[in-house]
Amino acid sequence: MIQSNVVQIQDVDVWRRHGRFCILDAELTESRINYLFNLMRQFLVVDAEYDMSWGGVQYTALSPLFDIVPEGEQVPEYKIIVTELGGEIIHIHAERLYT
């Protein structure tokens, strides 16, 4: 039996679930490539740019992990929290950063 890795989105409001997050340079290594693929499949990236102040790539994305952003509000920033077990991702959580 072939297991599908396709993510099915049931939430019709996902188009309003915008967020920004950063992946630091230390994570962007060849040895972490599988980790990054598994992490990034949770997001539909709509913009990405290198941010020298963070020391990594800042992404703007859509994700069911993010809160719904009311029309006219700025896209919030998130800290992505990943729980790993034996090098495998077992849970991903987006914690909104309030400023």
C-alpha atoms as a PDB file:
ATOM      1  CA  MET A   1       0.000   0.000   0.000  1.00  0.00           C
ATOM      2  CA  ILE A   2       1.325   3.446  -0.913  1.00  0.00           C
ATOM      3  CA  GLN A   3       0.901   6.108   1.746  1.00  0.00           C
ATOM      4  CA  SER A   4       0.014   9.552   0.431  1.00  0.00           C
ATOM      5  CA  ASN A   5       1.917  12.597   1.671  1.00  0.00           C
ATOM      6  CA  VAL A   6      -0.673  14.968   0.214  1.00  0.00           C
ATOM      7  CA  VAL A   7      -2.025  17.408   2.790  1.00  0.00           C
ATOM      8  CA  GLN A   8      -5.800  17.855   2.543  1.00  0.00           C
ATOM      9  CA  ILE A   9      -7.030  21.254   3.691  1.00  0.00           C
ATOM     10  CA  GLN A  10     -10.612  21.153   4.980  1.00  0.00           C
ATOM     11  CA  ASP A  11     -10.648  24.729   6.306  1.00  0.00           C
ATOM     12  CA  VAL A  12     -12.110  27.087   3.701  1.00  0.00           C
ATOM     13  CA  ASP A  13     -10.762  30.033   5.719  1.00  0.00           C
ATOM     14  CA  VAL A  14      -7.148  28.966   5.093  1.00  0.00           C
ATOM     15  CA  TRP A  15      -6.939  31.777   2.507  1.00  0.00           C
ATOM     16  CA  ARG A  16      -7.313  34.224   5.416  1.00  0.00           C
ATOM     17  CA  ARG A  17      -4.776  32.466   7.647  1.00  0.00           C
ATOM     18  CA  HIS A  18      -1.665  34.532   6.891  1.00  0.00           C
ATOM     19  CA  GLY A  19       1.507  34.614   8.940  1.00  0.00           C
ATOM     20  CA  ARG A  20       5.198  35.450   8.892  1.00  0.00           C
ATOM     21  CA  PHE A  21       7.945  33.286  10.330  1.00  0.00           C
ATOM     22  CA  CYS A  22      11.696  32.950  10.048  1.00  0.00           C
ATOM     23  CA  ILE A  23      13.973  29.983   9.523  1.00  0.00           C
ATOM     24  CA  LEU A  24      17.442  30.769  10.801  1.00  0.00           C
ATOM     25  CA  ASP A  25      20.588  30.159   8.784  1.00  0.00           C
ATOM     26  CA  ALA A  26      21.611  27.390  11.204  1.00  0.00           C
ATOM     27  CA  GLU A  27      18.566  25.342  10.095  1.00  0.00           C
ATOM     28  CA  LEU A  28      19.239  25.792   6.374  1.00  0.00           C
ATOM     29  CA  THR A  29      21.777  23.014   6.006  1.00  0.00           C
ATOM     30  CA  GLU A  30      22.019  19.956   3.795  1.00  0.00           C
ATOM     31  CA  SER A  31      21.795  17.674   6.841  1.00  0.00           C
ATOM     32  CA  ARG A  32      18.383  19.204   7.720  1.00  0.00           C
ATOM     33  CA  ILE A  33      16.871  18.918   4.225  1.00  0.00           C
ATOM     34  CA  ASN A  34      14.314  16.199   5.124  1.00  0.00           C
ATOM     35  CA  TYR A  35      13.337  18.137   8.246  1.00  0.00           C
ATOM     36  CA  LEU A  36      12.817  21.297   6.157  1.00  0.00           C
ATOM     37  CA  PHE A  37      10.729  19.501   3.520  1.00  0.00           C
ATOM     38  CA  ASN A  38       8.492  18.018   6.225  1.00  0.00           C
ATOM     39  CA  LEU A  39       8.174  21.377   7.961  1.00  0.00           C
ATOM     40  CA  MET A  40       7.504  23.471   4.860  1.00  0.00           C
ATOM     41  CA  ARG A  41       4.727  21.254   3.542  1.00  0.00           C
ATOM     42  CA  GLN A  42       2.561  22.870   6.227  1.00  0.00           C
ATOM     43  CA  PHE A  43       2.808  26.249   4.474  1.00  0.00           C
ATOM     44  CA  LEU A  44       1.939  27.850   1.141  1.00  0.00           C
ATOM     45  CA  VAL A  45       4.709  30.437   0.849  1.00  0.00           C
ATOM     46  CA  VAL A  46       3.637  33.631  -0.897  1.00  0.00           C
ATOM     47  CA  ASP A  47       6.814  35.648  -0.220  1.00  0.00           C
ATOM     48  CA  ALA A  48      10.314  34.984   1.072  1.00  0.00           C
ATOM     49  CA  GLU A  49      13.271  37.248   1.707  1.00  0.00           C
ATOM     50  CA  TYR A  50      16.547  37.107   3.549  1.00  0.00           C
ATOM     51  CA  ASP A  51      16.380  39.124   6.765  1.00  0.00           C
ATOM     52  CA  MET A  52      19.793  40.135   8.104  1.00  0.00           C
ATOM     53  CA  SER A  53      18.323  41.213  11.471  1.00  0.00           C
ATOM     54  CA  TRP A  54      17.012  37.656  12.066  1.00  0.00           C
ATOM     55  CA  GLY A  55      19.911  35.925  10.332  1.00  0.00           C
ATOM     56  CA  GLY A  56      17.655  33.798   8.184  1.00  0.00           C
ATOM     57  CA  VAL A  57      14.874  33.682   5.642  1.00  0.00           C
ATOM     58  CA  GLN A  58      11.590  35.347   6.562  1.00  0.00           C
ATOM     59  CA  TYR A  59       8.559  33.739   4.963  1.00  0.00           C
ATOM     60  CA  THR A  60       5.056  35.065   4.495  1.00  0.00           C
ATOM     61  CA  ALA A  61       2.703  32.151   4.050  1.00  0.00           C
ATOM     62  CA  LEU A  62      -0.771  30.710   4.328  1.00  0.00           C
ATOM     63  CA  SER A  63      -1.271  27.862   6.759  1.00  0.00           C
ATOM     64  CA  PRO A  64      -4.042  26.206   8.773  1.00  0.00           C
ATOM     65  CA  LEU A  65      -1.625  26.641  11.716  1.00  0.00           C
ATOM     66  CA  PHE A  66      -2.139  30.431  11.653  1.00  0.00           C
ATOM     67  CA  ASP A  67      -5.011  32.501  13.039  1.00  0.00           C
ATOM     68  CA  ILE A  68      -7.512  34.111  10.681  1.00  0.00           C
ATOM     69  CA  VAL A  69      -6.391  37.656   9.858  1.00  0.00           C
ATOM     70  CA  PRO A  70      -9.281  40.118   9.608  1.00  0.00           C
ATOM     71  CA  GLU A  71      -9.318  42.233   6.462  1.00  0.00           C
ATOM     72  CA  GLY A  72      -7.167  45.349   6.795  1.00  0.00           C
ATOM     73  CA  GLU A  73      -4.959  44.016   9.616  1.00  0.00           C
ATOM     74  CA  GLN A  74      -1.218  43.434   9.281  1.00  0.00           C
ATOM     75  CA  VAL A  75       0.049  39.890   8.843  1.00  0.00           C
ATOM     76  CA  PRO A  76       1.158  38.646  12.290  1.00  0.00           C
ATOM     77  CA  GLU A  77       4.502  37.051  13.098  1.00  0.00           C
ATOM     78  CA  TYR A  78       4.790  33.541  14.479  1.00  0.00           C
ATOM     79  CA  LYS A  79       7.359  31.351  16.147  1.00  0.00           C
ATOM     80  CA  ILE A  80       7.185  27.857  14.683  1.00  0.00           C
ATOM     81  CA  ILE A  81       7.589  25.222  17.391  1.00  0.00           C
ATOM     82  CA  VAL A  82       8.541  21.750  16.233  1.00  0.00           C
ATOM     83  CA  THR A  83       8.488  18.626  18.386  1.00  0.00           C
ATOM     84  CA  GLU A  84      10.844  15.932  17.142  1.00  0.00           C
ATOM     85  CA  LEU A  85      11.339  12.326  18.168  1.00  0.00           C
ATOM     86  CA  GLY A  86      14.304  10.427  16.800  1.00  0.00           C
ATOM     87  CA  GLY A  87      14.922  13.099  14.190  1.00  0.00           C
ATOM     88  CA  GLU A  88      11.331  12.899  12.896  1.00  0.00           C
ATOM     89  CA  ILE A  89       8.804  15.707  13.216  1.00  0.00           C
ATOM     90  CA  ILE A  90       5.860  14.556  15.299  1.00  0.00           C
ATOM     91  CA  HIS A  91       4.103  17.902  15.908  1.00  0.00           C
ATOM     92  CA  ILE A  92       4.220  21.444  14.506  1.00  0.00           C
ATOM     93  CA  HIS A  93       2.685  24.404  16.316  1.00  0.00           C
ATOM     94  CA  ALA A  94       2.620  28.097  15.368  1.00  0.00           C
ATOM     95  CA  GLU A  95       2.814  30.447  18.366  1.00  0.00           C
ATOM     96  CA  ARG A  96       1.678  33.990  17.559  1.00  0.00           C
ATOM     97  CA  LEU A  97       4.112  36.686  18.671  1.00  0.00           C
ATOM     98  CA  TYR A  98       2.265  39.699  20.050  1.00  0.00           C
ATOM     99  CA  THR A  99       4.110  42.995  19.925  1.00  0.00           C
END
